[in-house]
Amino acid sequence: MIRLSRVFRNFSIEQAVANKIKQGLGANTQVEVIDLSGGCGTMLHIKVASDSFEGKSTIVQHRMVNKCIEGQDIHGFKLETSVLKSP
């Protein structure tokens, strides 16, 4: 029982973070959120590719993502951003 509740809770945190980023950056955004904390969901690795980043520096891209996840209960995260290339 405890193990299942952990899985559902972590999925919810990861999904909530991904959804907030997608909402904030627009439809043409790919997000991957990985729990690095061994199951407690407080340390995340977030990878974001978005066409919203076109022409922006890395620091500006990171600020854009930070603004999207403001208020989330995350102890820490590693962030990677890139411009989403059109096919």
PDB file of N, CA and C in Angstrom:
ATOM      1  N   MET A   1       0.808  -1.200   0.000  1.00  0.00           N
ATOM      2  CA  MET A   1       0.000   0.000   0.000  1.00  0.00           C
ATOM      3  C   MET A   1       0.850   1.262   0.000  1.00  0.00           C
ATOM      4  N   ILE A   2       1.831   1.341   0.860  1.00  0.00           N
ATOM      5  CA  ILE A   2       2.678   2.527   0.927  1.00  0.00           C
ATOM      6  C   ILE A   2       3.383   2.739  -0.402  1.00  0.00           C
ATOM      7  N   ARG A   3       3.885   1.658  -0.973  1.00  0.00           N
ATOM      8  CA  ARG A   3       4.603   1.756  -2.240  1.00  0.00           C
ATOM      9  C   ARG A   3       3.705   2.318  -3.345  1.00  0.00           C
ATOM     10  N   LEU A   4       2.467   1.862  -3.423  1.00  0.00           N
ATOM     11  CA  LEU A   4       1.549   2.361  -4.441  1.00  0.00           C
ATOM     12  C   LEU A   4       1.250   3.840  -4.248  1.00  0.00           C
ATOM     13  N   SER A   5       1.036   4.263  -3.014  1.00  0.00           N
ATOM     14  CA  SER A   5       0.742   5.680  -2.791  1.00  0.00           C
ATOM     15  C   SER A   5       1.931   6.547  -3.180  1.00  0.00           C
ATOM     16  N   ARG A   6       3.150   6.053  -2.971  1.00  0.00           N
ATOM     17  CA  ARG A   6       4.338   6.790  -3.404  1.00  0.00           C
ATOM     18  C   ARG A   6       4.364   6.933  -4.916  1.00  0.00           C
ATOM     19  N   VAL A   7       4.064   5.857  -5.609  1.00  0.00           N
ATOM     20  CA  VAL A   7       4.075   5.896  -7.075  1.00  0.00           C
ATOM     21  C   VAL A   7       3.064   6.908  -7.573  1.00  0.00           C
ATOM     22  N   PHE A   8       1.844   6.864  -7.049  1.00  0.00           N
ATOM     23  CA  PHE A   8       0.818   7.793  -7.498  1.00  0.00           C
ATOM     24  C   PHE A   8       1.177   9.232  -7.147  1.00  0.00           C
ATOM     25  N   ARG A   9       1.722   9.444  -5.959  1.00  0.00           N
ATOM     26  CA  ARG A   9       2.096  10.796  -5.554  1.00  0.00           C
ATOM     27  C   ARG A   9       3.193  11.341  -6.451  1.00  0.00           C
ATOM     28  N   ASN A  10       4.213  10.545  -6.731  1.00  0.00           N
ATOM     29  CA  ASN A  10       5.308  11.001  -7.577  1.00  0.00           C
ATOM     30  C   ASN A  10       4.830  11.271  -8.992  1.00  0.00           C
ATOM     31  N   PHE A  11       3.979  10.403  -9.497  1.00  0.00           N
ATOM     32  CA  PHE A  11       3.442  10.626 -10.831  1.00  0.00           C
ATOM     33  C   PHE A  11       2.707  11.958 -10.861  1.00  0.00           C
ATOM     34  N   SER A  12       1.950  12.250  -9.830  1.00  0.00           N
ATOM     35  CA  SER A  12       1.185  13.490  -9.780  1.00  0.00           C
ATOM     36  C   SER A  12       2.094  14.715  -9.773  1.00  0.00           C
ATOM     37  N   ILE A  13       3.172  14.672  -9.009  1.00  0.00           N
ATOM     38  CA  ILE A  13       4.101  15.792  -8.963  1.00  0.00           C
ATOM     39  C   ILE A  13       4.752  15.988 -10.331  1.00  0.00           C
ATOM     40  N   GLU A  14       5.240  14.916 -10.908  1.00  0.00           N
ATOM     41  CA  GLU A  14       5.890  15.001 -12.217  1.00  0.00           C
ATOM     42  C   GLU A  14       4.912  15.491 -13.274  1.00  0.00           C
ATOM     43  N   GLN A  15       3.702  14.946 -13.260  1.00  0.00           N
ATOM     44  CA  GLN A  15       2.689  15.339 -14.239  1.00  0.00           C
ATOM     45  C   GLN A  15       2.266  16.791 -14.038  1.00  0.00           C
ATOM     46  N   ALA A  16       2.111  17.209 -12.791  1.00  0.00           N
ATOM     47  CA  ALA A  16       1.708  18.590 -12.505  1.00  0.00           C
ATOM     48  C   ALA A  16       2.754  19.578 -13.006  1.00  0.00           C
ATOM     49  N   VAL A  17       4.030  19.270 -12.784  1.00  0.00           N
ATOM     50  CA  VAL A  17       5.117  20.138 -13.248  1.00  0.00           C
ATOM     51  C   VAL A  17       5.114  20.199 -14.772  1.00  0.00           C
ATOM     52  N   ALA A  18       5.011  19.048 -15.420  1.00  0.00           N
ATOM     53  CA  ALA A  18       4.995  19.010 -16.889  1.00  0.00           C
ATOM     54  C   ALA A  18       3.810  19.803 -17.440  1.00  0.00           C
ATOM     55  N   ASN A  19       2.640  19.633 -16.848  1.00  0.00           N
ATOM     56  CA  ASN A  19       1.448  20.347 -17.316  1.00  0.00           C
ATOM     57  C   ASN A  19       1.585  21.855 -17.154  1.00  0.00           C
ATOM     58  N   LYS A  20       2.130  22.297 -16.026  1.00  0.00           N
ATOM     59  CA  LYS A  20       2.313  23.742 -15.807  1.00  0.00           C
ATOM     60  C   LYS A  20       3.264  24.337 -16.841  1.00  0.00           C
ATOM     61  N   ILE A  21       4.333  23.618 -17.149  1.00  0.00           N
ATOM     62  CA  ILE A  21       5.301  24.113 -18.132  1.00  0.00           C
ATOM     63  C   ILE A  21       4.657  24.181 -19.510  1.00  0.00           C
ATOM     64  N   LYS A  22       3.918  23.144 -19.890  1.00  0.00           N
ATOM     65  CA  LYS A  22       3.249  23.138 -21.198  1.00  0.00           C
ATOM     66  C   LYS A  22       2.226  24.263 -21.301  1.00  0.00           C
ATOM     67  N   GLN A  23       1.484  24.502 -20.227  1.00  0.00           N
ATOM     68  CA  GLN A  23       0.508  25.594 -20.223  1.00  0.00           C
ATOM     69  C   GLN A  23       1.195  26.947 -20.359  1.00  0.00           C
ATOM     70  N   GLY A  24       2.307  27.112 -19.676  1.00  0.00           N
ATOM     71  CA  GLY A  24       3.002  28.391 -19.671  1.00  0.00           C
ATOM     72  C   GLY A  24       3.749  28.704 -20.952  1.00  0.00           C
ATOM     73  N   LEU A  25       4.259  27.667 -21.615  1.00  0.00           N
ATOM     74  CA  LEU A  25       5.090  27.892 -22.801  1.00  0.00           C
ATOM     75  C   LEU A  25       4.363  27.661 -24.119  1.00  0.00           C
ATOM     76  N   GLY A  26       3.201  27.055 -24.085  1.00  0.00           N
ATOM     77  CA  GLY A  26       2.430  26.872 -25.300  1.00  0.00           C
ATOM     78  C   GLY A  26       2.427  25.443 -25.815  1.00  0.00           C
ATOM     79  N   ALA A  27       1.613  25.248 -26.846  1.00  0.00           N
ATOM     80  CA  ALA A  27       1.367  23.906 -27.379  1.00  0.00           C
ATOM     81  C   ALA A  27       2.601  23.253 -27.989  1.00  0.00           C
ATOM     82  N   ASN A  28       3.479  24.052 -28.568  1.00  0.00           N
ATOM     83  CA  ASN A  28       4.668  23.495 -29.221  1.00  0.00           C
ATOM     84  C   ASN A  28       5.807  23.333 -28.221  1.00  0.00           C
ATOM     85  N   THR A  29       5.548  22.572 -27.166  1.00  0.00           N
ATOM     86  CA  THR A  29       6.520  22.362 -26.096  1.00  0.00           C
ATOM     87  C   THR A  29       6.557  20.888 -25.725  1.00  0.00           C
ATOM     88  N   GLN A  30       7.759  20.349 -25.614  1.00  0.00           N
ATOM     89  CA  GLN A  30       7.943  18.972 -25.150  1.00  0.00           C
ATOM     90  C   GLN A  30       8.608  19.025 -23.783  1.00  0.00           C
ATOM     91  N   VAL A  31       8.061  18.269 -22.832  1.00  0.00           N
ATOM     92  CA  VAL A  31       8.573  18.283 -21.464  1.00  0.00           C
ATOM     93  C   VAL A  31       8.774  16.853 -20.979  1.00  0.00           C
ATOM     94  N   GLU A  32       9.917  16.620 -20.338  1.00  0.00           N
ATOM     95  CA  GLU A  32      10.181  15.348 -19.669  1.00  0.00           C
ATOM     96  C   GLU A  32      10.597  15.676 -18.237  1.00  0.00           C
ATOM     97  N   VAL A  33       9.920  15.064 -17.277  1.00  0.00           N
ATOM     98  CA  VAL A  33      10.225  15.283 -15.861  1.00  0.00           C
ATOM     99  C   VAL A  33      10.590  13.936 -15.244  1.00  0.00           C
ATOM    100  N   ILE A  34      11.786  13.871 -14.644  1.00  0.00           N
ATOM    101  CA  ILE A  34      12.293  12.634 -14.057  1.00  0.00           C
ATOM    102  C   ILE A  34      12.558  12.871 -12.571  1.00  0.00           C
ATOM    103  N   ASP A  35      12.055  11.974 -11.727  1.00  0.00           N
ATOM    104  CA  ASP A  35      12.279  12.057 -10.281  1.00  0.00           C
ATOM    105  C   ASP A  35      13.665  11.518  -9.959  1.00  0.00           C
ATOM    106  N   LEU A  36      14.538  12.361  -9.415  1.00  0.00           N
ATOM    107  CA  LEU A  36      15.901  11.967  -9.042  1.00  0.00           C
ATOM    108  C   LEU A  36      16.028  11.667  -7.550  1.00  0.00           C
ATOM    109  N   SER A  37      14.929  11.801  -6.814  1.00  0.00           N
ATOM    110  CA  SER A  37      15.005  11.756  -5.354  1.00  0.00           C
ATOM    111  C   SER A  37      14.742  10.382  -4.753  1.00  0.00           C
ATOM    112  N   GLY A  38      14.707   9.364  -5.571  1.00  0.00           N
ATOM    113  CA  GLY A  38      14.492   8.031  -5.031  1.00  0.00           C
ATOM    114  C   GLY A  38      13.073   7.785  -4.562  1.00  0.00           C
ATOM    115  N   GLY A  39      12.134   8.485  -5.130  1.00  0.00           N
ATOM    116  CA  GLY A  39      10.737   8.211  -4.830  1.00  0.00           C
ATOM    117  C   GLY A  39       9.975   9.274  -4.068  1.00  0.00           C
ATOM    118  N   CYS A  40      10.635  10.302  -3.556  1.00  0.00           N
ATOM    119  CA  CYS A  40       9.879  11.305  -2.790  1.00  0.00           C
ATOM    120  C   CYS A  40       9.468  12.508  -3.640  1.00  0.00           C
ATOM    121  N   GLY A  41       9.981  12.632  -4.857  1.00  0.00           N
ATOM    122  CA  GLY A  41       9.529  13.661  -5.779  1.00  0.00           C
ATOM    123  C   GLY A  41       9.988  15.072  -5.492  1.00  0.00           C
ATOM    124  N   THR A  42      10.995  15.246  -4.629  1.00  0.00           N
ATOM    125  CA  THR A  42      11.424  16.603  -4.300  1.00  0.00           C
ATOM    126  C   THR A  42      12.639  17.066  -5.098  1.00  0.00           C
ATOM    127  N   MET A  43      13.319  16.172  -5.790  1.00  0.00           N
ATOM    128  CA  MET A  43      14.445  16.543  -6.659  1.00  0.00           C
ATOM    129  C   MET A  43      14.142  16.013  -8.050  1.00  0.00           C
ATOM    130  N   LEU A  44      14.031  16.928  -9.001  1.00  0.00           N
ATOM    131  CA  LEU A  44      13.612  16.561 -10.350  1.00  0.00           C
ATOM    132  C   LEU A  44      14.647  16.956 -11.390  1.00  0.00           C
ATOM    133  N   HIS A  45      14.658  16.221 -12.482  1.00  0.00           N
ATOM    134  CA  HIS A  45      15.416  16.587 -13.676  1.00  0.00           C
ATOM    135  C   HIS A  45      14.364  16.940 -14.719  1.00  0.00           C
ATOM    136  N   ILE A  46      14.373  18.195 -15.147  1.00  0.00           N
ATOM    137  CA  ILE A  46      13.361  18.692 -16.072  1.00  0.00           C
ATOM    138  C   ILE A  46      14.032  19.034 -17.395  1.00  0.00           C
ATOM    139  N   LYS A  47      13.529  18.423 -18.481  1.00  0.00           N
ATOM    140  CA  LYS A  47      14.027  18.710 -19.825  1.00  0.00           C
ATOM    141  C   LYS A  47      12.888  19.346 -20.613  1.00  0.00           C
ATOM    142  N   VAL A  48      13.163  20.516 -21.185  1.00  0.00           N
ATOM    143  CA  VAL A  48      12.131  21.247 -21.913  1.00  0.00           C
ATOM    144  C   VAL A  48      12.669  21.671 -23.272  1.00  0.00           C
ATOM    145  N   ALA A  49      11.916  21.352 -24.319  1.00  0.00           N
ATOM    146  CA  ALA A  49      12.206  21.836 -25.667  1.00  0.00           C
ATOM    147  C   ALA A  49      10.969  22.600 -26.133  1.00  0.00           C
ATOM    148  N   SER A  50      11.157  23.841 -26.564  1.00  0.00           N
ATOM    149  CA  SER A  50      10.015  24.667 -26.950  1.00  0.00           C
ATOM    150  C   SER A  50      10.410  25.643 -28.045  1.00  0.00           C
ATOM    151  N   ASP A  51       9.471  25.900 -28.948  1.00  0.00           N
ATOM    152  CA  ASP A  51       9.736  26.928 -29.958  1.00  0.00           C
ATOM    153  C   ASP A  51       9.659  28.326 -29.340  1.00  0.00           C
ATOM    154  N   SER A  52       9.128  28.435 -28.130  1.00  0.00           N
ATOM    155  CA  SER A  52       9.092  29.715 -27.405  1.00  0.00           C
ATOM    156  C   SER A  52      10.486  30.205 -27.042  1.00  0.00           C
ATOM    157  N   PHE A  53      11.476  29.306 -27.055  1.00  0.00           N
ATOM    158  CA  PHE A  53      12.845  29.654 -26.690  1.00  0.00           C
ATOM    159  C   PHE A  53      13.645  30.240 -27.856  1.00  0.00           C
ATOM    160  N   GLU A  54      13.082  30.228 -29.040  1.00  0.00           N
ATOM    161  CA  GLU A  54      13.788  30.704 -30.234  1.00  0.00           C
ATOM    162  C   GLU A  54      14.329  32.116 -30.022  1.00  0.00           C
ATOM    163  N   GLY A  55      15.645  32.287 -30.215  1.00  0.00           N
ATOM    164  CA  GLY A  55      16.293  33.585 -30.107  1.00  0.00           C
ATOM    165  C   GLY A  55      16.566  34.062 -28.685  1.00  0.00           C
ATOM    166  N   LYS A  56      16.280  33.227 -27.702  1.00  0.00           N
ATOM    167  CA  LYS A  56      16.479  33.624 -26.305  1.00  0.00           C
ATOM    168  C   LYS A  56      17.705  32.927 -25.721  1.00  0.00           C
ATOM    169  N   SER A  57      18.401  33.611 -24.825  1.00  0.00           N
ATOM    170  CA  SER A  57      19.575  33.032 -24.166  1.00  0.00           C
ATOM    171  C   SER A  57      19.137  31.932 -23.195  1.00  0.00           C
ATOM    172  N   THR A  58      20.085  31.114 -22.790  1.00  0.00           N
ATOM    173  CA  THR A  58      19.791  30.027 -21.852  1.00  0.00           C
ATOM    174  C   THR A  58      19.217  30.561 -20.545  1.00  0.00           C
ATOM    175  N   ILE A  59      19.763  31.655 -20.039  1.00  0.00           N
ATOM    176  CA  ILE A  59      19.268  32.208 -18.773  1.00  0.00           C
ATOM    177  C   ILE A  59      17.816  32.666 -18.902  1.00  0.00           C
ATOM    178  N   VAL A  60      17.461  33.240 -20.027  1.00  0.00           N
ATOM    179  CA  VAL A  60      16.077  33.670 -20.250  1.00  0.00           C
ATOM    180  C   VAL A  60      15.168  32.447 -20.373  1.00  0.00           C
ATOM    181  N   GLN A  61      15.627  31.411 -21.058  1.00  0.00           N
ATOM    182  CA  GLN A  61      14.854  30.168 -21.172  1.00  0.00           C
ATOM    183  C   GLN A  61      14.575  29.586 -19.786  1.00  0.00           C
ATOM    184  N   HIS A  62      15.610  29.554 -18.941  1.00  0.00           N
ATOM    185  CA  HIS A  62      15.452  29.007 -17.591  1.00  0.00           C
ATOM    186  C   HIS A  62      14.493  29.858 -16.757  1.00  0.00           C
ATOM    187  N   ARG A  63      14.559  31.164 -16.917  1.00  0.00           N
ATOM    188  CA  ARG A  63      13.631  32.043 -16.191  1.00  0.00           C
ATOM    189  C   ARG A  63      12.189  31.799 -16.627  1.00  0.00           C
ATOM    190  N   MET A  64      12.001  31.545 -17.915  1.00  0.00           N
ATOM    191  CA  MET A  64      10.659  31.256 -18.428  1.00  0.00           C
ATOM    192  C   MET A  64      10.093  29.993 -17.776  1.00  0.00           C
ATOM    193  N   VAL A  65      10.921  28.958 -17.665  1.00  0.00           N
ATOM    194  CA  VAL A  65      10.481  27.704 -17.037  1.00  0.00           C
ATOM    195  C   VAL A  65      10.240  27.920 -15.545  1.00  0.00           C
ATOM    196  N   ASN A  66      11.154  28.625 -14.876  1.00  0.00           N
ATOM    197  CA  ASN A  66      10.993  28.900 -13.442  1.00  0.00           C
ATOM    198  C   ASN A  66       9.665  29.598 -13.157  1.00  0.00           C
ATOM    199  N   LYS A  67       9.300  30.542 -14.011  1.00  0.00           N
ATOM    200  CA  LYS A  67       8.040  31.264 -13.829  1.00  0.00           C
ATOM    201  C   LYS A  67       6.844  30.308 -13.942  1.00  0.00           C
ATOM    202  N   CYS A  68       6.942  29.339 -14.835  1.00  0.00           N
ATOM    203  CA  CYS A  68       5.855  28.367 -15.027  1.00  0.00           C
ATOM    204  C   CYS A  68       5.639  27.489 -13.801  1.00  0.00           C
ATOM    205  N   ILE A  69       6.711  27.140 -13.103  1.00  0.00           N
ATOM    206  CA  ILE A  69       6.586  26.192 -11.983  1.00  0.00           C
ATOM    207  C   ILE A  69       6.634  26.871 -10.614  1.00  0.00           C
ATOM    208  N   GLU A  70       6.508  28.178 -10.609  1.00  0.00           N
ATOM    209  CA  GLU A  70       6.430  28.923  -9.350  1.00  0.00           C
ATOM    210  C   GLU A  70       5.349  28.332  -8.455  1.00  0.00           C
ATOM    211  N   GLY A  71       5.660  28.159  -7.191  1.00  0.00           N
ATOM    212  CA  GLY A  71       4.664  27.663  -6.251  1.00  0.00           C
ATOM    213  C   GLY A  71       4.586  26.152  -6.132  1.00  0.00           C
ATOM    214  N   GLN A  72       5.280  25.422  -6.998  1.00  0.00           N
ATOM    215  CA  GLN A  72       5.307  23.961  -6.882  1.00  0.00           C
ATOM    216  C   GLN A  72       6.187  23.572  -5.701  1.00  0.00           C
ATOM    217  N   ASP A  73       5.823  22.505  -5.031  1.00  0.00           N
ATOM    218  CA  ASP A  73       6.571  22.030  -3.864  1.00  0.00           C
ATOM    219  C   ASP A  73       7.741  21.156  -4.319  1.00  0.00           C
ATOM    220  N   ILE A  74       8.814  21.815  -4.781  1.00  0.00           N
ATOM    221  CA  ILE A  74      10.004  21.122  -5.279  1.00  0.00           C
ATOM    222  C   ILE A  74      11.195  21.623  -4.477  1.00  0.00           C
ATOM    223  N   HIS A  75      11.950  20.709  -3.916  1.00  0.00           N
ATOM    224  CA  HIS A  75      13.142  21.094  -3.153  1.00  0.00           C
ATOM    225  C   HIS A  75      14.234  21.594  -4.091  1.00  0.00           C
ATOM    226  N   GLY A  76      14.423  20.901  -5.205  1.00  0.00           N
ATOM    227  CA  GLY A  76      15.440  21.293  -6.172  1.00  0.00           C
ATOM    228  C   GLY A  76      15.203  20.618  -7.508  1.00  0.00           C
ATOM    229  N   PHE A  77      15.821  21.178  -8.542  1.00  0.00           N
ATOM    230  CA  PHE A  77      15.697  20.549  -9.851  1.00  0.00           C
ATOM    231  C   PHE A  77      16.879  20.904 -10.735  1.00  0.00           C
ATOM    232  N   LYS A  78      17.167  19.999 -11.638  1.00  0.00           N
ATOM    233  CA  LYS A  78      18.165  20.207 -12.683  1.00  0.00           C
ATOM    234  C   LYS A  78      17.366  20.519 -13.939  1.00  0.00           C
ATOM    235  N   LEU A  79      17.749  21.577 -14.644  1.00  0.00           N
ATOM    236  CA  LEU A  79      16.968  22.023 -15.794  1.00  0.00           C
ATOM    237  C   LEU A  79      17.808  22.039 -17.057  1.00  0.00           C
ATOM    238  N   GLU A  80      17.273  21.446 -18.113  1.00  0.00           N
ATOM    239  CA  GLU A  80      17.872  21.509 -19.448  1.00  0.00           C
ATOM    240  C   GLU A  80      16.822  22.085 -20.390  1.00  0.00           C
ATOM    241  N   THR A  81      17.205  23.102 -21.157  1.00  0.00           N
ATOM    242  CA  THR A  81      16.279  23.684 -22.128  1.00  0.00           C
ATOM    243  C   THR A  81      16.915  23.683 -23.507  1.00  0.00           C
ATOM    244  N   SER A  82      16.056  23.631 -24.516  1.00  0.00           N
ATOM    245  CA  SER A  82      16.528  23.711 -25.897  1.00  0.00           C
ATOM    246  C   SER A  82      15.390  24.218 -26.778  1.00  0.00           C
ATOM    247  N   VAL A  83      15.768  24.721 -27.950  1.00  0.00           N
ATOM    248  CA  VAL A  83      14.783  25.191 -28.915  1.00  0.00           C
ATOM    249  C   VAL A  83      14.236  23.976 -29.649  1.00  0.00           C
ATOM    250  N   LEU A  84      12.913  23.888 -29.740  1.00  0.00           N
ATOM    251  CA  LEU A  84      12.264  22.795 -30.452  1.00  0.00           C
ATOM    252  C   LEU A  84      12.370  23.068 -31.941  1.00  0.00           C
ATOM    253  N   LYS A  85      12.997  22.164 -32.644  1.00  0.00           N
ATOM    254  CA  LYS A  85      13.187  22.317 -34.089  1.00  0.00           C
ATOM    255  C   LYS A  85      11.954  21.826 -34.836  1.00  0.00           C
ATOM    256  N   SER A  86      11.522  22.572 -35.825  1.00  0.00           N
ATOM    257  CA  SER A  86      10.405  22.151 -36.670  1.00  0.00           C
ATOM    258  C   SER A  86      10.882  21.090 -37.649  1.00  0.00           C
ATOM    259  N   PRO A  87      10.004  20.119 -37.957  1.00  0.00           N
ATOM    260  CA  PRO A  87      10.415  19.053 -38.898  1.00  0.00           C
ATOM    261  C   PRO A  87      10.612  19.545 -40.307  1.00  0.00           C
TER     262      PRO A  87
END
